[in-house]
Structure formats: C-alpha cells, structure tokens
Amino acid sequence: MIEKAQSAMEYYTIVAVALLILLPLSIYVYQLLQQYGDETKISLAKDAVNELGETADWVFSQGPPARYTFRSFYIPEGIESTSLDNNMILFRVRTSAGINDIFYHTIPTLDGSIPAESGYYPIAVIAHGNNVTIKVI
C-alpha cells in the first residue's frame, strides 16, 4: 500500500514539474503572438495610409481632372477610426498597448471619407482645383 502511495506521489511530482515548465512557456508564446499581431496591424495600417497619401499627392500634382481608382483597397483589421483632416490622413489603430495614430501629411487639402471597417473597397482619388477628394465608389 505504501509503495502505491509513493509511486502516486512521484507521478504528481512529475506532473507538477511539467506544469511549472509549460505554464511560463505558454505565457511567453502567447505574448509573442499578441505582439506579432499588433506589429502586423500597425504595419498594414502604415502601408495603407502611405499608399493613399502618395496617391493623393500624385493626383494633385497632375491637376484636375486627374483621377486614380483603387479597385480593391484594403483597410486592415484593428482600425478604430479613420479621418481626412485638412492635409492629413489619419488611421487610429487599436493594439493591446492602446490606440496608435498612423498618419500621412499630404500636399493638398483633403476631403471625403474612408471606411473604418476592415475589408476591400473600391476607392477613388480625384483632383479638384486646390483639393483632392478620397471616397468609396
């Protein structure tokens, strides 16, 4: 009877040591995956904002009636809000650390709107006199 109890205690000890090793390791891997996801969201948002901003500058430099149409412009996941204010395109990205502002300053004044919901959208960038309109078509 004592031998059975002793072997049971040995098994419990082995399981406890295994859990002590696996628990911190699993927490570390979870944090790495979350950090990777946050970096991906920010990177995709930067790419989108830069692409829109550079296109707005290019269309403005061509003058009216210049126009560029994105057949499927990707708005990444994690976007809290988007805005076009004067000469700035702003995406607010939610990460585990909080909200990050991703922006691009353009040459022309901007008007229009960009959706904040993730997905692919047909977006037109149109030059008008002193400003550029960015809108979903």
C-alpha atoms as a PDB file:
ATOM      1  CA  MET A   1       0.000   0.000   0.000  1.00  0.00           C
ATOM      2  CA  ILE A   2       2.838   2.363   0.861  1.00  0.00           C
ATOM      3  CA  GLU A   3       4.543   1.613  -2.465  1.00  0.00           C
ATOM      4  CA  LYS A   4       1.403   2.617  -4.373  1.00  0.00           C
ATOM      5  CA  ALA A   5       1.199   5.880  -2.451  1.00  0.00           C
ATOM      6  CA  GLN A   6       4.860   6.566  -3.102  1.00  0.00           C
ATOM      7  CA  SER A   7       4.517   5.979  -6.844  1.00  0.00           C
ATOM      8  CA  ALA A   8       1.429   8.203  -6.926  1.00  0.00           C
ATOM      9  CA  MET A   9       3.416  10.992  -5.235  1.00  0.00           C
ATOM     10  CA  GLU A  10       6.196  10.552  -7.796  1.00  0.00           C
ATOM     11  CA  TYR A  11       3.689  10.928 -10.642  1.00  0.00           C
ATOM     12  CA  TYR A  12       2.231  14.048  -9.016  1.00  0.00           C
ATOM     13  CA  THR A  13       5.738  15.475  -8.680  1.00  0.00           C
ATOM     14  CA  ILE A  14       6.484  14.815 -12.354  1.00  0.00           C
ATOM     15  CA  VAL A  15       3.212  16.449 -13.419  1.00  0.00           C
ATOM     16  CA  ALA A  16       3.858  19.465 -11.156  1.00  0.00           C
ATOM     17  CA  VAL A  17       7.364  19.967 -12.579  1.00  0.00           C
ATOM     18  CA  ALA A  18       6.000  19.674 -16.129  1.00  0.00           C
ATOM     19  CA  LEU A  19       3.337  22.307 -15.380  1.00  0.00           C
ATOM     20  CA  LEU A  20       5.933  24.621 -13.817  1.00  0.00           C
ATOM     21  CA  ILE A  21       7.892  24.459 -17.060  1.00  0.00           C
ATOM     22  CA  LEU A  22       4.953  24.635 -19.511  1.00  0.00           C
ATOM     23  CA  LEU A  23       2.957  27.427 -17.868  1.00  0.00           C
ATOM     24  CA  PRO A  24       5.602  30.191 -18.171  1.00  0.00           C
ATOM     25  CA  LEU A  25       6.498  28.947 -21.646  1.00  0.00           C
ATOM     26  CA  SER A  26       2.890  29.133 -22.811  1.00  0.00           C
ATOM     27  CA  ILE A  27       2.510  32.662 -21.370  1.00  0.00           C
ATOM     28  CA  TYR A  28       5.670  33.746 -23.199  1.00  0.00           C
ATOM     29  CA  VAL A  29       4.437  32.294 -26.505  1.00  0.00           C
ATOM     30  CA  TYR A  30       1.045  33.994 -26.065  1.00  0.00           C
ATOM     31  CA  GLN A  31       2.736  37.372 -25.530  1.00  0.00           C
ATOM     32  CA  LEU A  32       4.902  36.859 -28.606  1.00  0.00           C
ATOM     33  CA  LEU A  33       1.871  36.044 -30.741  1.00  0.00           C
ATOM     34  CA  GLN A  34      -0.008  39.086 -29.452  1.00  0.00           C
ATOM     35  CA  GLN A  35       2.992  41.344 -30.137  1.00  0.00           C
ATOM     36  CA  TYR A  36       3.312  39.907 -33.644  1.00  0.00           C
ATOM     37  CA  GLY A  37      -0.387  40.594 -34.281  1.00  0.00           C
ATOM     38  CA  ASP A  38      -0.039  44.198 -33.074  1.00  0.00           C
ATOM     39  CA  GLU A  39       3.019  44.799 -35.254  1.00  0.00           C
ATOM     40  CA  THR A  40       1.184  43.361 -38.253  1.00  0.00           C
ATOM     41  CA  LYS A  41      -1.825  45.648 -37.689  1.00  0.00           C
ATOM     42  CA  ILE A  42       0.416  48.721 -37.446  1.00  0.00           C
ATOM     43  CA  SER A  43       2.457  47.741 -40.495  1.00  0.00           C
ATOM     44  CA  LEU A  44      -0.635  47.156 -42.646  1.00  0.00           C
ATOM     45  CA  ALA A  45      -2.139  50.462 -41.494  1.00  0.00           C
ATOM     46  CA  LYS A  46       1.103  52.336 -42.332  1.00  0.00           C
ATOM     47  CA  ASP A  47       1.162  50.776 -45.787  1.00  0.00           C
ATOM     48  CA  ALA A  48      -2.474  51.743 -46.426  1.00  0.00           C
ATOM     49  CA  VAL A  49      -2.050  55.324 -45.192  1.00  0.00           C
ATOM     50  CA  ASN A  50       1.161  55.834 -47.172  1.00  0.00           C
ATOM     51  CA  GLU A  51      -0.377  54.426 -50.340  1.00  0.00           C
ATOM     52  CA  LEU A  52      -3.404  56.726 -50.054  1.00  0.00           C
ATOM     53  CA  GLY A  53      -1.268  59.755 -49.194  1.00  0.00           C
ATOM     54  CA  GLU A  54       1.220  59.238 -52.016  1.00  0.00           C
ATOM     55  CA  THR A  55      -1.631  58.721 -54.472  1.00  0.00           C
ATOM     56  CA  ALA A  56      -3.334  61.919 -53.275  1.00  0.00           C
ATOM     57  CA  ASP A  57      -0.079  63.863 -53.777  1.00  0.00           C
ATOM     58  CA  TRP A  58       0.412  62.333 -57.227  1.00  0.00           C
ATOM     59  CA  VAL A  59      -3.172  63.063 -58.365  1.00  0.00           C
ATOM     60  CA  PHE A  60      -2.895  66.637 -57.051  1.00  0.00           C
ATOM     61  CA  SER A  61       0.347  67.199 -58.966  1.00  0.00           C
ATOM     62  CA  GLN A  62      -1.434  66.137 -62.189  1.00  0.00           C
ATOM     63  CA  GLY A  63      -4.196  68.696 -61.605  1.00  0.00           C
ATOM     64  CA  PRO A  64      -7.879  68.452 -62.490  1.00  0.00           C
ATOM     65  CA  PRO A  65      -9.451  66.258 -63.887  1.00  0.00           C
ATOM     66  CA  ALA A  66      -6.846  63.707 -62.734  1.00  0.00           C
ATOM     67  CA  ARG A  67      -8.251  60.649 -61.012  1.00  0.00           C
ATOM     68  CA  TYR A  68      -6.949  57.344 -59.688  1.00  0.00           C
ATOM     69  CA  THR A  69      -9.158  54.421 -58.732  1.00  0.00           C
ATOM     70  CA  PHE A  70      -8.150  51.584 -56.437  1.00  0.00           C
ATOM     71  CA  ARG A  71     -10.205  48.587 -57.498  1.00  0.00           C
ATOM     72  CA  SER A  72      -9.744  46.891 -54.132  1.00  0.00           C
ATOM     73  CA  PHE A  73      -8.070  48.999 -51.474  1.00  0.00           C
ATOM     74  CA  TYR A  74      -7.503  47.030 -48.251  1.00  0.00           C
ATOM     75  CA  ILE A  75      -8.475  48.534 -44.908  1.00  0.00           C
ATOM     76  CA  PRO A  76      -6.759  46.311 -42.304  1.00  0.00           C
ATOM     77  CA  GLU A  77      -8.285  44.900 -39.127  1.00  0.00           C
ATOM     78  CA  GLY A  78      -7.993  46.770 -35.856  1.00  0.00           C
ATOM     79  CA  ILE A  79      -8.787  50.233 -37.259  1.00  0.00           C
ATOM     80  CA  GLU A  80     -10.679  52.196 -34.630  1.00  0.00           C
ATOM     81  CA  SER A  81     -11.414  55.214 -36.853  1.00  0.00           C
ATOM     82  CA  THR A  82     -10.275  56.991 -39.995  1.00  0.00           C
ATOM     83  CA  SER A  83     -10.304  60.658 -40.874  1.00  0.00           C
ATOM     84  CA  LEU A  84      -9.248  63.130 -43.546  1.00  0.00           C
ATOM     85  CA  ASP A  85      -8.449  66.438 -41.830  1.00  0.00           C
ATOM     86  CA  ASN A  86      -7.049  69.285 -43.932  1.00  0.00           C
ATOM     87  CA  ASN A  87      -3.736  67.819 -45.173  1.00  0.00           C
ATOM     88  CA  MET A  88      -3.653  64.648 -43.093  1.00  0.00           C
ATOM     89  CA  ILE A  89      -4.875  61.079 -43.466  1.00  0.00           C
ATOM     90  CA  LEU A  90      -5.284  59.513 -40.017  1.00  0.00           C
ATOM     91  CA  PHE A  91      -5.920  55.895 -39.061  1.00  0.00           C
ATOM     92  CA  ARG A  92      -6.346  55.098 -35.356  1.00  0.00           C
ATOM     93  CA  VAL A  93      -5.254  51.511 -34.732  1.00  0.00           C
ATOM     94  CA  ARG A  94      -6.234  49.550 -31.615  1.00  0.00           C
ATOM     95  CA  THR A  95      -3.497  47.308 -30.209  1.00  0.00           C
ATOM     96  CA  SER A  96      -3.010  45.535 -26.905  1.00  0.00           C
ATOM     97  CA  ALA A  97      -0.990  48.540 -25.693  1.00  0.00           C
ATOM     98  CA  GLY A  98      -3.727  51.050 -26.577  1.00  0.00           C
ATOM     99  CA  ILE A  99      -4.519  53.188 -29.604  1.00  0.00           C
ATOM    100  CA  ASN A 100      -1.808  54.218 -32.084  1.00  0.00           C
ATOM    101  CA  ASP A 101      -2.185  57.055 -34.576  1.00  0.00           C
ATOM    102  CA  ILE A 102      -0.873  56.333 -38.071  1.00  0.00           C
ATOM    103  CA  PHE A 103      -0.875  59.423 -40.283  1.00  0.00           C
ATOM    104  CA  TYR A 104       0.393  60.911 -43.549  1.00  0.00           C
ATOM    105  CA  HIS A 105       0.689  64.632 -44.338  1.00  0.00           C
ATOM    106  CA  THR A 106      -0.297  65.406 -47.909  1.00  0.00           C
ATOM    107  CA  ILE A 107       0.400  68.430 -50.090  1.00  0.00           C
ATOM    108  CA  PRO A 108      -3.257  69.116 -50.994  1.00  0.00           C
ATOM    109  CA  THR A 109      -6.190  69.677 -48.699  1.00  0.00           C
ATOM    110  CA  LEU A 110      -8.283  66.525 -48.472  1.00  0.00           C
ATOM    111  CA  ASP A 111     -11.992  65.913 -48.291  1.00  0.00           C
ATOM    112  CA  GLY A 112     -14.198  62.841 -48.445  1.00  0.00           C
ATOM    113  CA  SER A 113     -14.227  59.790 -46.219  1.00  0.00           C
ATOM    114  CA  ILE A 114     -12.594  56.410 -45.761  1.00  0.00           C
ATOM    115  CA  PRO A 115     -14.367  53.457 -44.111  1.00  0.00           C
ATOM    116  CA  ALA A 116     -13.011  52.221 -40.780  1.00  0.00           C
ATOM    117  CA  GLU A 117     -14.302  48.689 -41.165  1.00  0.00           C
ATOM    118  CA  SER A 118     -11.865  46.053 -42.355  1.00  0.00           C
ATOM    119  CA  GLY A 119     -12.192  44.875 -45.929  1.00  0.00           C
ATOM    120  CA  TYR A 120     -11.545  45.634 -49.577  1.00  0.00           C
ATOM    121  CA  TYR A 121     -13.116  48.774 -51.045  1.00  0.00           C
ATOM    122  CA  PRO A 122     -13.082  50.498 -54.438  1.00  0.00           C
ATOM    123  CA  ILE A 123     -11.699  53.949 -53.622  1.00  0.00           C
ATOM    124  CA  ALA A 124     -11.378  56.936 -55.959  1.00  0.00           C
ATOM    125  CA  VAL A 125      -8.836  59.722 -55.507  1.00  0.00           C
ATOM    126  CA  ILE A 126      -9.933  62.765 -57.541  1.00  0.00           C
ATOM    127  CA  ALA A 127      -8.182  66.107 -58.067  1.00  0.00           C
ATOM    128  CA  HIS A 128     -10.219  69.319 -57.830  1.00  0.00           C
ATOM    129  CA  GLY A 129      -8.628  72.766 -58.013  1.00  0.00           C
ATOM    130  CA  ASN A 130      -6.938  73.169 -54.614  1.00  0.00           C
ATOM    131  CA  ASN A 131      -8.006  69.923 -53.008  1.00  0.00           C
ATOM    132  CA  VAL A 132      -8.293  66.166 -53.504  1.00  0.00           C
ATOM    133  CA  THR A 133     -11.353  64.038 -52.767  1.00  0.00           C
ATOM    134  CA  ILE A 134     -10.950  60.489 -51.463  1.00  0.00           C
ATOM    135  CA  LYS A 135     -14.132  58.455 -51.436  1.00  0.00           C
ATOM    136  CA  VAL A 136     -15.555  54.957 -51.767  1.00  0.00           C
ATOM    137  CA  ILE A 137     -17.229  54.443 -55.122  1.00  0.00           C
END
